[in-house]
Protein backbone atom coordinates (compact mmCIF):
# COMPACT_ATOMS: atom_id res chain seq x y z
CA MET A 1 3.38 -2.15 12.50
CA ARG A 2 4.32 -4.25 15.46
CA HIS A 3 1.34 -2.87 17.36
CA PHE A 4 -1.03 -4.51 14.90
CA PHE A 5 0.60 -7.51 13.22
CA SER A 6 1.87 -10.83 14.34
CA ALA A 7 4.53 -12.53 12.25
CA ARG A 8 1.97 -14.59 10.36
CA ASP A 9 -0.26 -11.57 9.69
CA GLU A 10 2.40 -9.49 7.93
CA PRO A 11 1.64 -8.90 4.28
CA ALA A 12 3.74 -10.57 1.63
CA PHE A 13 6.25 -8.02 0.38
CA PRO A 14 7.43 -8.08 -3.21
CA ASN A 15 10.05 -10.69 -3.95
CA GLN A 16 12.47 -9.44 -6.56
CA ASP A 17 13.23 -13.00 -7.74
CA ASP A 18 9.65 -13.98 -8.64
CA SER A 19 8.01 -13.86 -12.05
CA ARG A 20 4.69 -12.05 -12.35
CA LEU A 21 4.06 -13.11 -15.96
CA ARG A 22 1.14 -15.43 -16.65
CA LEU A 23 1.19 -17.82 -19.57
CA GLN A 24 -2.09 -16.38 -20.85
CA THR A 25 -0.49 -12.93 -21.08
CA ILE A 26 2.52 -14.03 -23.12
CA ILE A 27 0.32 -16.18 -25.41
CA ARG A 28 -1.96 -13.22 -26.14
CA LEU A 29 1.02 -10.97 -26.86
CA ARG A 30 2.47 -13.57 -29.23
CA TRP A 31 -0.86 -13.99 -31.07
CA LEU A 32 -0.89 -10.22 -31.53
CA ALA A 33 2.65 -10.41 -32.92
CA VAL A 34 1.71 -13.28 -35.26
CA LEU A 35 -1.27 -11.37 -36.66
CA GLY A 36 0.85 -8.23 -37.12
CA GLN A 37 3.62 -10.16 -38.87
CA LEU A 38 1.15 -11.91 -41.17
CA PHE A 39 -0.47 -8.60 -42.07
CA ALA A 40 2.87 -6.89 -42.76
CA VAL A 41 4.28 -9.74 -44.88
CA ASN A 42 1.13 -10.10 -46.96
CA VAL A 43 0.79 -6.36 -47.58
CA VAL A 44 4.43 -6.11 -48.68
CA PHE A 45 4.35 -9.23 -50.90
CA PHE A 46 0.81 -9.18 -52.32
CA GLY A 47 -0.11 -5.51 -51.85
CA PHE A 48 3.06 -3.75 -52.98
CA GLY A 49 4.42 -6.64 -55.01
CA PHE A 50 7.86 -6.39 -53.40
CA PRO A 51 9.99 -9.55 -53.68
CA LEU A 52 10.75 -11.35 -50.41
CA PRO A 53 11.20 -14.99 -49.31
CA ILE A 54 7.54 -15.39 -48.47
CA GLY A 55 7.83 -19.12 -47.77
CA TYR A 56 10.51 -18.74 -45.12
CA CYS A 57 8.71 -15.80 -43.54
CA LEU A 58 5.41 -17.67 -43.29
CA SER A 59 7.24 -20.71 -41.90
CA PHE A 60 8.74 -18.79 -38.98
CA ILE A 61 5.42 -17.03 -38.32
CA ALA A 62 3.68 -20.43 -38.30
CA LEU A 63 6.32 -21.70 -35.84
CA SER A 64 5.25 -19.02 -33.34
CA ALA A 65 1.59 -19.91 -33.89
CA TRP A 66 2.26 -23.61 -33.27
CA LEU A 67 4.26 -22.75 -30.17
CA ASN A 68 1.22 -20.89 -28.82
CA VAL A 69 -1.02 -23.85 -29.56
CA PHE A 70 1.40 -26.23 -27.81
CA LEU A 71 1.64 -24.04 -24.72
CA SER A 72 -2.15 -23.64 -24.55
CA ILE A 73 -2.60 -27.43 -24.59
CA GLN A 74 0.29 -28.21 -22.25
CA TYR A 75 -0.49 -25.67 -19.50
CA PRO A 76 -3.65 -24.11 -18.05
CA ALA A 77 -4.38 -20.52 -19.05
CA ARG A 78 -3.75 -19.16 -15.54
CA HIS A 79 -0.41 -20.92 -15.18
CA ARG A 80 2.21 -18.52 -13.81
CA LEU A 81 5.54 -18.92 -15.53
CA SER A 82 8.80 -19.30 -13.67
CA ALA A 83 11.36 -16.57 -14.30
CA GLU A 84 13.59 -18.95 -16.26
CA PHE A 85 10.79 -20.30 -18.49
CA ALA A 86 9.46 -16.81 -19.17
CA THR A 87 12.98 -15.69 -20.10
CA VAL A 88 13.30 -18.55 -22.59
CA LEU A 89 9.95 -17.69 -24.22
CA LEU A 90 10.81 -14.00 -24.52
CA ALA A 91 14.26 -14.87 -25.89
CA TYR A 92 12.53 -17.01 -28.54
CA ASP A 93 10.38 -14.03 -29.52
CA ILE A 94 13.52 -11.89 -29.94
CA LEU A 95 15.25 -14.53 -32.07
CA GLN A 96 12.13 -15.18 -34.19
CA LEU A 97 11.75 -11.47 -34.89
CA GLY A 98 15.49 -11.27 -35.63
CA VAL A 99 15.17 -14.01 -38.27
CA LEU A 100 12.22 -12.24 -39.91
CA LEU A 101 14.20 -8.99 -39.94
CA TYR A 102 17.17 -10.85 -41.48
CA LEU A 103 14.88 -12.07 -44.27
CA THR A 104 13.36 -8.62 -44.89
CA GLY A 105 16.17 -6.07 -44.92
CA GLY A 106 17.84 -6.29 -41.52
CA ILE A 107 18.14 -3.09 -39.54
CA GLU A 108 16.90 -1.13 -42.58
CA ASN A 109 13.45 -2.60 -41.94
CA PRO A 110 11.40 0.01 -39.99
CA PHE A 111 9.83 -2.76 -37.87
CA THR A 112 13.20 -3.29 -36.17
CA VAL A 113 11.91 -1.21 -33.24
CA LEU A 114 9.58 -4.10 -32.28
CA ILE A 115 12.60 -5.90 -30.87
CA LEU A 116 12.18 -3.61 -27.83
CA ALA A 117 8.84 -5.20 -26.88
CA PRO A 118 10.09 -8.45 -25.23
CA VAL A 119 12.69 -6.56 -23.20
CA THR A 120 10.05 -4.08 -21.97
CA VAL A 121 7.74 -6.95 -20.96
CA SER A 122 10.61 -8.55 -19.09
CA ALA A 123 11.44 -5.31 -17.27
CA ALA A 124 7.86 -5.08 -15.97
CA THR A 125 7.47 -8.72 -14.92
CA LEU A 126 10.84 -10.47 -14.44
CA PRO A 127 13.84 -9.99 -12.12
CA PRO A 128 16.54 -7.53 -13.23
CA ARG A 129 19.12 -10.19 -14.13
CA ASN A 130 16.69 -11.81 -16.60
CA THR A 131 15.94 -8.43 -18.17
CA VAL A 132 19.65 -7.70 -18.55
CA LEU A 133 20.15 -11.08 -20.23
CA LEU A 134 17.28 -10.45 -22.68
CA GLY A 135 18.61 -6.95 -23.33
CA LEU A 136 21.99 -8.38 -24.28
CA VAL A 137 20.31 -10.92 -26.58
CA ALA A 138 18.24 -8.18 -28.26
CA ALA A 139 21.30 -5.93 -28.66
CA LEU A 140 23.32 -8.81 -30.14
CA VAL A 141 20.55 -9.73 -32.61
CA THR A 142 20.23 -6.08 -33.66
CA ALA A 143 23.98 -5.80 -34.12
CA VAL A 144 24.06 -8.96 -36.26
CA ILE A 145 21.38 -7.70 -38.66
CA VAL A 146 23.40 -4.52 -39.16
CA PHE A 147 25.94 -6.59 -41.11
CA HIS A 148 24.07 -9.73 -42.21
CA TYR A 149 20.67 -9.55 -43.90
CA LEU A 150 18.85 -10.09 -47.17
CA PRO A 151 18.05 -6.98 -49.24
CA LEU A 152 15.16 -4.83 -48.10
CA PRO A 153 12.05 -5.60 -50.23
CA TRP A 154 11.79 -2.77 -52.75
CA TYR A 155 10.66 -2.00 -56.25
CA PRO A 156 11.98 -4.41 -58.95
CA GLY A 157 15.31 -3.36 -60.37
CA MET A 158 16.08 -1.05 -57.43
CA ARG A 159 18.05 -1.71 -54.25
CA LEU A 160 17.76 0.56 -51.21
CA ASP A 161 21.08 0.63 -49.34
CA MET A 162 21.51 2.76 -46.21
CA PRO A 163 24.97 4.11 -45.31
CA PHE A 164 26.73 2.18 -42.56
CA LEU A 165 26.86 5.25 -40.32
CA TYR A 166 23.08 5.59 -40.54
CA LYS A 167 22.59 1.92 -39.66
CA ALA A 168 24.98 2.28 -36.72
CA GLY A 169 22.91 5.24 -35.57
CA ILE A 170 19.75 3.12 -35.68
CA LEU A 171 21.53 0.46 -33.61
CA ALA A 172 22.56 3.07 -31.02
CA ALA A 173 19.01 4.48 -30.91
CA ILE A 174 17.47 1.05 -30.38
CA VAL A 175 19.89 0.18 -27.58
CA SER A 176 19.27 3.56 -25.92
CA CYS A 177 15.49 3.17 -26.14
CA MET A 178 15.79 -0.37 -24.83
CA ILE A 179 17.63 0.80 -21.73
CA PHE A 180 15.27 3.74 -21.13
CA LEU A 181 12.06 1.74 -21.60
CA ALA A 182 13.34 -1.12 -19.46
CA LEU A 183 14.24 1.19 -16.58
CA TYR A 184 10.98 3.11 -16.89
CA ALA A 185 8.78 0.00 -17.03
CA ARG A 186 10.74 -1.53 -14.15
CA ARG A 187 10.23 1.56 -12.00
CA LEU A 188 6.50 1.80 -12.71
CA SER A 189 5.97 -1.89 -12.04
CA GLN A 190 7.93 -1.77 -8.78
CA GLU A 191 6.02 1.26 -7.51
CA GLY A 192 2.71 -0.39 -8.35
CA ARG A 193 3.63 -3.58 -6.48
CA GLN A 194 4.87 -1.65 -3.47
CA MET A 195 1.73 0.46 -3.34
CA SER A 196 -0.45 -2.64 -3.57
CA ALA A 197 1.41 -4.36 -0.73
CA ALA A 198 1.31 -1.24 1.43
CA LEU A 199 -2.40 -0.73 0.82
CA ALA A 200 -2.96 -4.36 1.76
CA ALA A 201 -1.15 -3.70 5.03
CA THR A 202 -3.31 -0.62 5.63
CA GLU A 203 -6.47 -2.59 4.94
CA LEU A 204 -5.33 -5.19 7.48
CA VAL A 205 -4.88 -2.47 10.12
CA LEU A 206 -8.31 -1.05 9.40
CA ALA A 207 -9.84 -4.54 9.44
CA ARG A 208 -8.41 -5.05 12.93
CA GLU A 209 -9.94 -1.75 14.02
CA GLN A 210 -13.31 -2.80 12.60
CA LYS A 211 -13.12 -6.09 14.48
CA LEU A 212 -12.47 -4.22 17.72
CA HIS A 213 -15.41 -1.95 17.00
CA ALA A 214 -17.57 -5.00 16.31
CA LEU A 215 -16.54 -6.48 19.67
CA ASP A 216 -17.77 -3.31 21.33
CA GLY A 217 -21.14 -3.83 19.66
CA LEU A 218 -21.24 -7.46 20.78
CA ALA A 219 -20.49 -6.39 24.34
CA ALA A 220 -23.40 -3.95 24.26
CA ALA A 221 -25.70 -6.62 22.84
CA ALA A 222 -24.58 -9.12 25.49
CA ALA A 223 -25.23 -6.60 28.25
CA HIS A 224 -28.72 -5.91 26.88
CA GLU A 225 -29.63 -9.59 26.45
CA LEU A 226 -28.21 -10.79 29.78
CA GLY A 227 -29.55 -7.90 31.83
CA THR A 228 -33.06 -9.36 32.20
CA PRO A 229 -32.00 -12.92 33.25
CA LEU A 230 -29.56 -11.53 35.80
CA SER A 231 -32.23 -9.24 37.25
CA THR A 232 -34.56 -12.24 37.52
CA ILE A 233 -31.86 -14.25 39.36
CA VAL A 234 -31.30 -11.39 41.80
CA LEU A 235 -35.05 -11.02 42.41
CA VAL A 236 -35.73 -14.74 42.91
CA SER A 237 -32.71 -15.33 45.17
CA SER A 238 -33.62 -12.28 47.29
CA GLU A 239 -37.21 -13.50 47.71
CA LEU A 240 -36.05 -17.01 48.61
CA ALA A 241 -33.67 -15.64 51.23
CA ARG A 242 -36.47 -13.52 52.70
CA ASP A 243 -38.98 -16.44 52.78
CA LEU A 244 -36.52 -18.89 54.35
CA GLY A 245 -35.54 -16.48 57.11
CA PRO A 246 -32.14 -15.55 58.50
CA GLU A 247 -31.62 -18.91 60.23
CA ALA A 248 -32.16 -21.12 57.21
CA LYS A 249 -29.44 -23.48 56.00
CA TYR A 250 -29.05 -22.02 52.48
CA VAL A 251 -29.36 -18.32 53.27
CA GLU A 252 -25.61 -17.70 52.90
CA ASP A 253 -25.56 -19.49 49.55
CA LEU A 254 -28.51 -17.44 48.33
CA GLU A 255 -26.85 -14.21 49.45
CA LEU A 256 -23.67 -15.25 47.62
CA LEU A 257 -25.71 -16.04 44.51
CA THR A 258 -27.39 -12.63 44.72
CA SER A 259 -24.09 -10.78 45.13
CA GLN A 260 -22.47 -12.60 42.21
CA ALA A 261 -25.44 -11.94 39.95
CA ARG A 262 -25.29 -8.25 40.83
CA ARG A 263 -21.57 -8.29 40.13
CA CYS A 264 -22.18 -9.78 36.67
CA ARG A 265 -24.78 -7.10 36.01
CA ASP A 266 -22.32 -4.36 37.05
CA ILE A 267 -19.63 -5.79 34.74
CA LEU A 268 -22.05 -5.82 31.80
CA GLN A 269 -23.07 -2.24 32.55
CA LYS A 270 -19.41 -1.21 32.42
CA LEU A 271 -19.06 -2.94 29.06
CA THR A 272 -22.14 -1.14 27.85
CA ARG A 273 -20.70 2.20 28.90
CA ARG A 274 -17.47 1.43 27.07
CA SER A 275 -19.36 0.36 23.95
CA SER A 276 -21.92 3.16 23.91
CA GLU A 277 -20.74 6.68 23.39
CA GLU A 278 -24.07 8.08 24.61
CA GLU A 279 -23.51 6.55 28.07
CA ASP A 280 -19.80 7.40 28.26
CA PRO A 281 -19.22 10.80 26.65
CA LEU A 282 -15.76 11.08 28.20
CA HIS A 283 -14.74 7.94 26.34
CA ALA A 284 -16.46 9.01 23.11
CA SER A 285 -14.77 12.40 22.79
CA LEU A 286 -11.50 14.01 23.77
CA SER A 287 -9.86 17.38 23.52
CA VAL A 288 -6.77 18.16 21.49
CA ARG A 289 -4.49 17.93 24.51
CA GLU A 290 -6.08 14.66 25.65
CA MET A 291 -5.57 13.27 22.16
CA MET A 292 -1.87 14.14 22.26
CA ASP A 293 -1.49 12.79 25.82
CA GLU A 294 -3.02 9.47 24.83
CA ALA A 295 -0.92 9.19 21.66
CA ALA A 296 2.32 10.04 23.50
CA GLY A 297 1.57 7.90 26.57
CA PRO A 298 3.56 4.78 25.55
CA TYR A 299 6.67 6.88 24.76
CA ARG A 300 6.89 9.17 27.81
CA HIS A 301 9.41 6.92 29.56
CA GLY A 302 11.75 6.45 26.61
CA ARG A 303 15.28 7.76 26.26
CA ALA A 304 14.00 11.16 25.04
CA THR A 305 11.82 13.59 26.98
CA VAL A 306 8.38 14.14 25.45
CA ALA A 307 7.02 17.62 26.21
CA ILE A 308 3.37 18.40 25.38
CA ALA A 309 1.85 21.87 25.09
CA ALA A 310 -1.51 23.07 23.81
CA ARG A 311 -2.76 26.63 23.45
CA ALA A 312 -5.03 28.87 21.44
CA ALA A 313 -3.60 31.26 18.88
CA GLU A 314 -2.92 34.73 20.19
CA GLY A 315 -5.70 37.31 20.00
CA LEU A 316 -8.61 34.86 19.65
CA PRO A 317 -11.96 35.88 21.13
CA PRO A 318 -13.31 33.67 23.96
CA PRO A 319 -15.60 31.45 21.84
CA ALA A 320 -12.82 30.58 19.39
CA ALA A 321 -10.23 30.25 22.17
CA ARG A 322 -12.13 27.28 23.61
CA GLU A 323 -10.14 24.06 23.18
CA PRO A 324 -11.53 21.97 20.30
CA VAL A 325 -13.11 18.63 21.22
CA GLY A 326 -13.52 15.87 18.64
CA ASN A 327 -14.45 12.23 18.33
CA ARG A 328 -12.10 9.55 19.63
CA ARG A 329 -10.66 8.09 16.45
CA PRO A 330 -8.25 5.17 16.93
CA GLY A 331 -6.69 5.75 13.50
CA VAL A 332 -5.78 9.35 14.36
CA ILE A 333 -4.35 8.37 17.75
CA TYR A 334 -2.32 5.59 16.14
CA GLY A 335 -1.04 7.94 13.42
CA ILE A 336 0.09 10.61 15.88
CA GLY A 337 1.59 7.93 18.14
CA ASN A 338 3.59 6.47 15.25
CA ILE A 339 5.03 9.90 14.39
CA ILE A 340 5.91 10.51 18.05
CA GLU A 341 7.57 7.07 18.21
CA ASN A 342 9.72 7.92 15.17
CA ALA A 343 10.63 11.28 16.70
CA VAL A 344 11.66 9.60 19.98
CA ASP A 345 13.80 7.07 18.08
CA PHE A 346 15.71 9.78 16.21
CA ALA A 347 15.76 12.51 18.86
CA ALA A 348 18.95 13.35 20.74
CA SER A 349 17.21 14.18 24.00
CA ARG A 350 13.85 15.94 23.49
CA VAL A 351 10.62 15.70 21.51
CA GLU A 352 8.15 18.59 21.55
CA VAL A 353 4.49 17.90 20.79
CA GLY A 354 2.49 21.10 20.49
CA ALA A 355 -0.99 22.09 19.37
CA VAL A 356 -2.26 25.51 18.35
CA TRP A 357 -5.86 26.15 17.34
CA SER A 358 -7.55 29.12 15.76
CA ALA A 359 -11.07 29.84 14.62
CA HIS A 360 -10.37 28.01 11.34
CA ASP A 361 -7.94 25.15 11.99
CA VAL A 362 -6.24 22.86 14.49
CA VAL A 363 -2.49 22.34 14.03
CA VAL A 364 -0.45 19.66 15.83
CA THR A 365 3.34 19.81 15.54
CA ILE A 366 5.79 17.03 16.46
CA ALA A 367 9.42 18.21 16.52
CA ASP A 368 12.63 16.51 17.67
CA ASP A 369 16.26 17.56 18.09
CA GLY A 370 17.72 14.73 16.02
CA PRO A 371 19.50 14.81 12.63
CA GLY A 372 16.33 15.74 10.69
CA PHE A 373 15.03 14.34 7.43
CA PRO A 374 17.67 13.51 4.80
CA ALA A 375 17.31 15.74 1.76
CA GLU A 376 17.20 12.78 -0.64
CA VAL A 377 14.04 11.30 0.94
CA MET A 378 12.27 14.50 1.98
CA ASP A 379 9.97 14.53 -1.06
CA THR A 380 9.18 10.79 -1.03
CA LEU A 381 8.94 10.10 2.72
CA GLY A 382 5.48 8.76 3.46
CA GLU A 383 5.37 6.56 0.37
CA PRO A 384 5.55 2.81 0.97
CA TYR A 385 9.04 1.34 1.50
CA VAL A 386 10.69 4.76 1.74
CA THR A 387 12.47 4.96 5.08
CA THR A 388 15.55 6.32 6.81
CA ARG A 389 15.78 3.30 9.09
CA PRO A 390 18.06 0.37 8.23
CA ARG A 391 16.14 -2.47 6.61
CA ARG A 392 16.10 -5.52 8.87
CA SER A 393 16.76 -9.00 7.64
CA LYS A 394 13.89 -11.35 6.88
CA ARG A 395 14.54 -13.09 10.18
CA GLY A 396 14.33 -9.85 12.11
CA GLY A 397 10.78 -10.51 13.21
CA ASP A 398 8.92 -7.29 12.46
CA ALA A 399 8.50 -4.90 9.59
CA SER A 400 10.49 -1.96 10.94
CA GLY A 401 12.77 -0.36 8.46
CA LEU A 402 10.31 -0.90 5.60
CA GLY A 403 8.65 2.52 5.80
CA LEU A 404 5.17 1.01 6.13
CA GLY A 405 4.57 2.36 9.65
CA PHE A 406 4.83 6.00 8.57
CA PHE A 407 2.93 5.26 5.34
CA ILE A 408 0.01 3.78 7.29
CA ALA A 409 0.10 6.61 9.85
CA LYS A 410 0.06 9.22 7.08
CA THR A 411 -2.77 7.43 5.29
CA LEU A 412 -4.92 7.21 8.42
CA LEU A 413 -4.31 10.86 9.28
CA GLU A 414 -5.14 12.04 5.77
CA ARG A 415 -8.33 9.97 5.80
CA SER A 416 -9.38 11.88 8.91
CA GLY A 417 -9.06 15.15 6.95
CA ALA A 418 -5.57 16.13 8.10
CA SER A 419 -2.84 17.63 5.94
CA VAL A 420 0.65 16.24 6.67
CA HIS A 421 3.71 18.45 6.07
CA LEU A 422 7.37 17.52 6.67
CA GLU A 423 10.27 19.92 7.17
CA ASN A 424 13.55 20.36 9.00
CA ARG A 425 14.36 22.92 11.65
CA THR A 426 16.13 26.06 10.52
CA PRO A 427 19.90 26.07 11.28
CA PRO A 428 21.62 26.36 13.70
CA LEU A 429 18.85 24.16 15.17
CA SER A 430 18.69 20.55 14.02
CA GLY A 431 15.81 18.13 13.94
CA ALA A 432 12.69 17.16 12.03
CA ILE A 433 9.23 18.70 12.18
CA VAL A 434 5.97 16.98 11.24
CA ARG A 435 3.00 19.34 11.03
CA LEU A 436 -0.59 18.02 11.05
CA SER A 437 -3.43 20.39 10.23
CA TRP A 438 -7.21 19.82 10.43
CA PRO A 439 -9.94 22.32 9.53
CA ARG A 440 -11.51 23.13 12.90
CA ALA A 441 -15.05 22.91 11.55
CA ASN A 442 -14.35 19.41 10.25
CA PHE A 443 -12.63 18.42 13.50
CA GLU A 444 -15.67 19.32 15.62
CA ARG A 445 -18.48 18.63 13.14
CA LYS A 446 -17.96 14.89 13.35
CA LEU A 447 -18.54 15.01 17.08
CA GLU A 448 -21.75 16.99 16.63
CA ARG A 449 -22.99 14.58 13.97
CA ALA A 450 -22.20 11.60 16.19
CA ALA A 451 -23.99 13.21 19.14
CA THR A 452 -27.06 13.81 16.96
CA GLU A 453 -27.11 10.21 15.80
CA LEU A 454 -26.71 8.95 19.35
CA GLN A 455 -29.56 11.19 20.51
CA LYS A 456 -31.82 9.80 17.79
CA THR A 457 -30.86 6.26 18.77
CA ALA A 458 -31.70 6.96 22.41
CA GLN A 459 -35.08 8.37 21.40
CA ARG A 460 -35.89 5.28 19.35
CA ARG A 461 -35.02 3.05 22.31
CA ASP A 462 -37.28 5.08 24.60
């Protein structure tokens, strides 16, 4: 990451103390609850004819409706709630539902399970401490209505009483579901936020690469546009020097002007060659070994020795044994370089970078003699914010230790068509192995397609 970002360019990482709940969201959820409560109360009272304190029930439902109206007037719809205010609103929803359950049979009421909803919303949008607080409130309200409640609305002359053990079992089930749903919603929400932040970081890297590519195009355009004026300057200054003769006063100045104009033209031609793959094929393409050499270049003089080897698979016929040559892709070079950097950081003394190609694929292997990948992160390494490095403090300056570097490298490599596999060396050897595999046809086809496009472009220019 430090190769691409300055401190002000780093993406905003998820803050565990922020609320991600908008007022519009909680108002819509409460309107849904109000409509559901009105429907249930009216069906029970008017549809089934069961006795219940309809006045009190409608009063508490109307209180939630008026609260929604007040919040809609007081705040704009897109207002983002603070964690404390959102906690208060969700706690109100728990208490309001608890009062309605008290009036309609307590924990014997089958709608008791709805008390899980505010806690689940909190788990997905609020910090953990707020969710724990709301969970305790919901558990306390549920425990209260186990012992204190008005009779469950039922047929006249009949009273439905559940055994205490059964009601205690319902309480235990609700608390268990509350904990499970809260943890599950929290995990899903956290993974979604992390993935979004990591993808934003990847998009920033790719945007930088696109800007560099655009600069190459501007350089080519500048060379094309300035070539004619510079040639005119060279021609006019040369003719003036010839007409004035070798003894004239300004001959040396004209010769200097001519030499500087030619120098500018040479510089622009170099820029054109760097920007145009058709004029600089060595810059446009590179072999497998050259790709590994370029990726490992910045790390050759580190504390670990970086050894590079490239060979064809044994028994290949001469056409297939030829070393594959592909397009120069900055994302692939960065991805391999990032993996080599990690290997150098963890290696005891040596990192081996090897490539083997066959008629069907190209395989690049980066292996070190360090401690290897920990078993607990082997399956998740490569996901955002999964790392074996210590997380640095917020004042540390860069994003190392966040796992984003390897995530971006893996993403860029997979976008190029590579498969990324992680494993550890077989004992008694120690160390980690990262294996990258491209289909050979895909590796070389892009170069052929680019060459065809460049040839067509050259023909159009002619």
